[in-house]
């Protein structure tokens, strides 16, 4: 399993994550920030557990995020 975490409040809406993994990221029409699809929020952090098949695309998204607010880690 893979855990993806985003600190959404710091997002600048650059769209890099959407370009990397459009099935997991969307731009909100409400505020222009990126949204982690299917995630739950806790204390300002959005997080979701996904399958191993999403690791590469979302790691690419995290590396290209200019404000460094995305974390991708393998879990046991």
N, C-alpha and C. Protein backbone atom coordinates (compact mmCIF):
# COMPACT_ATOMS: atom_id res chain seq x y z
N UNK A 1 0.84 -1.18 0.00
CA UNK A 1 0.00 0.00 0.00
C UNK A 1 0.88 1.25 0.00
N UNK A 2 0.29 2.33 -0.47
CA UNK A 2 0.98 3.61 -0.57
C UNK A 2 0.12 4.67 0.11
N UNK A 3 0.75 5.50 0.94
CA UNK A 3 0.04 6.61 1.57
C UNK A 3 0.48 7.90 0.87
N UNK A 4 -0.51 8.67 0.41
CA UNK A 4 -0.25 9.97 -0.19
C UNK A 4 -0.81 11.02 0.76
N UNK A 5 0.00 12.02 1.08
CA UNK A 5 -0.41 13.08 2.00
C UNK A 5 -0.15 14.43 1.35
N UNK A 6 -1.08 15.36 1.55
CA UNK A 6 -0.97 16.70 0.99
C UNK A 6 -1.33 17.72 2.06
N UNK A 7 -0.54 18.80 2.12
CA UNK A 7 -0.87 19.93 2.99
C UNK A 7 -1.54 20.98 2.10
N UNK A 8 -2.83 20.84 1.91
CA UNK A 8 -3.58 21.59 0.89
C UNK A 8 -3.55 23.10 1.09
N UNK A 9 -3.52 23.58 2.31
CA UNK A 9 -3.56 25.02 2.57
C UNK A 9 -2.39 25.76 1.92
N UNK A 10 -1.27 25.08 1.74
CA UNK A 10 -0.09 25.71 1.13
C UNK A 10 -0.04 25.56 -0.39
N UNK A 11 -1.02 24.88 -0.98
CA UNK A 11 -1.05 24.65 -2.43
C UNK A 11 -1.19 25.97 -3.18
N UNK A 12 -0.46 26.09 -4.29
CA UNK A 12 -0.55 27.29 -5.13
C UNK A 12 -1.30 27.02 -6.44
N UNK A 13 -1.78 25.80 -6.62
CA UNK A 13 -2.58 25.46 -7.80
C UNK A 13 -1.80 25.44 -9.10
N UNK A 14 -0.56 24.99 -9.07
CA UNK A 14 0.29 25.01 -10.27
C UNK A 14 -0.07 23.93 -11.28
N UNK A 15 -0.81 22.89 -10.86
CA UNK A 15 -1.29 21.82 -11.74
C UNK A 15 -0.26 20.72 -12.01
N UNK A 16 0.91 20.76 -11.41
CA UNK A 16 1.94 19.74 -11.66
C UNK A 16 1.47 18.35 -11.26
N UNK A 17 0.79 18.24 -10.13
CA UNK A 17 0.31 16.94 -9.67
C UNK A 17 -0.79 16.39 -10.57
N UNK A 18 -1.63 17.28 -11.06
CA UNK A 18 -2.71 16.86 -11.97
C UNK A 18 -2.12 16.31 -13.27
N UNK A 19 -1.09 16.95 -13.76
CA UNK A 19 -0.42 16.48 -14.98
C UNK A 19 0.22 15.11 -14.76
N UNK A 20 0.74 14.86 -13.58
CA UNK A 20 1.42 13.60 -13.29
C UNK A 20 0.44 12.44 -13.05
N UNK A 21 -0.68 12.72 -12.38
CA UNK A 21 -1.62 11.66 -12.01
C UNK A 21 -3.04 12.22 -11.98
N UNK A 22 -3.60 12.42 -13.14
CA UNK A 22 -4.92 13.06 -13.25
C UNK A 22 -6.05 12.23 -12.63
N UNK A 23 -5.84 10.94 -12.44
CA UNK A 23 -6.84 10.09 -11.80
C UNK A 23 -6.89 10.32 -10.28
N UNK A 24 -5.85 10.94 -9.71
CA UNK A 24 -5.77 11.13 -8.27
C UNK A 24 -5.83 12.59 -7.84
N UNK A 25 -5.59 13.52 -8.77
CA UNK A 25 -5.55 14.96 -8.45
C UNK A 25 -6.48 15.75 -9.34
N UNK A 26 -7.11 16.77 -8.78
CA UNK A 26 -7.99 17.68 -9.53
C UNK A 26 -7.77 19.11 -9.05
N UNK A 27 -8.01 20.06 -9.93
CA UNK A 27 -8.00 21.48 -9.55
C UNK A 27 -9.41 21.84 -9.11
N UNK A 28 -9.52 22.43 -7.94
CA UNK A 28 -10.82 22.84 -7.42
C UNK A 28 -11.29 24.11 -8.14
N UNK A 29 -12.52 24.09 -8.60
CA UNK A 29 -13.09 25.29 -9.23
C UNK A 29 -13.42 26.34 -8.18
N UNK A 30 -13.55 25.90 -6.95
CA UNK A 30 -13.91 26.81 -5.86
C UNK A 30 -12.76 27.74 -5.47
N UNK A 31 -11.55 27.19 -5.31
CA UNK A 31 -10.44 28.02 -4.85
C UNK A 31 -9.16 27.90 -5.69
N UNK A 32 -9.18 27.07 -6.74
CA UNK A 32 -8.03 26.96 -7.63
C UNK A 32 -6.88 26.12 -7.10
N UNK A 33 -7.06 25.49 -5.95
CA UNK A 33 -6.02 24.64 -5.39
C UNK A 33 -6.23 23.19 -5.83
N UNK A 34 -5.16 22.41 -5.76
CA UNK A 34 -5.25 21.00 -6.12
C UNK A 34 -5.88 20.20 -4.99
N UNK A 35 -6.70 19.24 -5.37
CA UNK A 35 -7.40 18.39 -4.42
C UNK A 35 -6.97 16.95 -4.62
N UNK A 36 -6.65 16.27 -3.54
CA UNK A 36 -6.29 14.86 -3.56
C UNK A 36 -7.59 14.06 -3.54
N UNK A 37 -7.93 13.49 -4.68
CA UNK A 37 -9.22 12.80 -4.86
C UNK A 37 -9.33 11.60 -3.92
N UNK A 38 -10.41 11.57 -3.15
CA UNK A 38 -10.69 10.45 -2.25
C UNK A 38 -10.05 10.56 -0.88
N UNK A 39 -9.33 11.63 -0.62
CA UNK A 39 -8.60 11.77 0.64
C UNK A 39 -9.49 12.24 1.78
N UNK A 40 -9.07 11.94 2.98
CA UNK A 40 -9.75 12.45 4.16
C UNK A 40 -8.83 13.47 4.84
N UNK A 41 -9.44 14.45 5.52
CA UNK A 41 -8.69 15.55 6.11
C UNK A 41 -8.55 15.36 7.62
N UNK A 42 -7.36 15.67 8.13
CA UNK A 42 -7.12 15.66 9.57
C UNK A 42 -6.08 16.71 9.88
N UNK A 43 -6.48 17.73 10.62
CA UNK A 43 -5.60 18.82 11.04
C UNK A 43 -4.89 19.49 9.87
N UNK A 44 -5.60 19.71 8.79
CA UNK A 44 -5.04 20.41 7.64
C UNK A 44 -4.27 19.55 6.65
N UNK A 45 -4.13 18.28 6.95
CA UNK A 45 -3.45 17.36 6.04
C UNK A 45 -4.48 16.41 5.44
N UNK A 46 -4.38 16.21 4.13
CA UNK A 46 -5.26 15.30 3.41
C UNK A 46 -4.47 14.05 3.11
N UNK A 47 -5.05 12.88 3.36
CA UNK A 47 -4.32 11.64 3.22
C UNK A 47 -5.22 10.53 2.67
N UNK A 48 -4.60 9.63 1.91
CA UNK A 48 -5.32 8.48 1.36
C UNK A 48 -4.35 7.31 1.20
N UNK A 49 -4.86 6.11 1.41
CA UNK A 49 -4.11 4.88 1.14
C UNK A 49 -4.55 4.34 -0.20
N UNK A 50 -3.60 4.05 -1.07
CA UNK A 50 -3.90 3.55 -2.41
C UNK A 50 -3.03 2.33 -2.70
N UNK A 51 -3.26 1.71 -3.83
CA UNK A 51 -2.48 0.55 -4.24
C UNK A 51 -1.08 0.92 -4.70
N UNK A 52 -0.20 -0.08 -4.72
CA UNK A 52 1.18 0.12 -5.15
C UNK A 52 1.31 0.64 -6.58
N UNK A 53 0.30 0.39 -7.40
CA UNK A 53 0.35 0.82 -8.79
C UNK A 53 0.35 2.35 -8.94
N UNK A 54 -0.01 3.07 -7.90
CA UNK A 54 -0.03 4.54 -7.97
C UNK A 54 1.25 5.18 -7.46
N UNK A 55 2.20 4.39 -7.00
CA UNK A 55 3.42 4.93 -6.39
C UNK A 55 4.22 5.80 -7.35
N UNK A 56 4.53 5.31 -8.52
CA UNK A 56 5.41 6.02 -9.45
C UNK A 56 4.83 7.37 -9.89
N UNK A 57 3.57 7.38 -10.32
CA UNK A 57 2.96 8.63 -10.79
C UNK A 57 2.89 9.68 -9.68
N UNK A 58 2.54 9.26 -8.48
CA UNK A 58 2.40 10.22 -7.40
C UNK A 58 3.74 10.65 -6.82
N UNK A 59 4.76 9.80 -6.91
CA UNK A 59 6.11 10.22 -6.54
C UNK A 59 6.60 11.29 -7.51
N UNK A 60 6.28 11.11 -8.79
CA UNK A 60 6.61 12.12 -9.80
C UNK A 60 5.90 13.44 -9.46
N UNK A 61 4.62 13.36 -9.07
CA UNK A 61 3.87 14.56 -8.69
C UNK A 61 4.53 15.25 -7.50
N UNK A 62 4.94 14.48 -6.51
CA UNK A 62 5.57 15.05 -5.31
C UNK A 62 6.89 15.73 -5.65
N UNK A 63 7.69 15.11 -6.51
CA UNK A 63 8.98 15.69 -6.89
C UNK A 63 8.84 16.99 -7.64
N UNK A 64 7.75 17.13 -8.40
CA UNK A 64 7.57 18.32 -9.23
C UNK A 64 6.69 19.39 -8.59
N UNK A 65 6.24 19.16 -7.36
CA UNK A 65 5.46 20.16 -6.64
C UNK A 65 6.40 21.29 -6.22
N UNK A 66 6.18 22.52 -6.71
CA UNK A 66 7.11 23.62 -6.40
C UNK A 66 7.08 24.07 -4.94
N UNK A 67 6.02 23.76 -4.21
CA UNK A 67 5.95 24.16 -2.81
C UNK A 67 6.17 22.97 -1.87
N UNK A 68 6.48 21.79 -2.42
CA UNK A 68 6.88 20.62 -1.65
C UNK A 68 5.87 20.23 -0.56
N UNK A 69 4.61 20.10 -0.94
CA UNK A 69 3.56 19.79 0.05
C UNK A 69 2.97 18.40 -0.11
N UNK A 70 3.55 17.58 -0.98
CA UNK A 70 3.04 16.22 -1.22
C UNK A 70 4.07 15.22 -0.72
N UNK A 71 3.61 14.22 0.04
CA UNK A 71 4.46 13.14 0.51
C UNK A 71 3.86 11.83 0.02
N UNK A 72 4.73 10.95 -0.46
CA UNK A 72 4.31 9.62 -0.92
C UNK A 72 5.21 8.61 -0.25
N UNK A 73 4.60 7.65 0.45
CA UNK A 73 5.41 6.65 1.15
C UNK A 73 4.74 5.29 1.09
N UNK A 74 5.56 4.26 1.02
CA UNK A 74 5.04 2.89 1.06
C UNK A 74 4.75 2.54 2.52
N UNK A 75 3.65 1.84 2.73
CA UNK A 75 3.28 1.39 4.07
C UNK A 75 3.27 -0.12 4.10
N UNK A 76 3.24 -0.66 5.28
CA UNK A 76 3.23 -2.13 5.41
C UNK A 76 1.84 -2.67 5.49
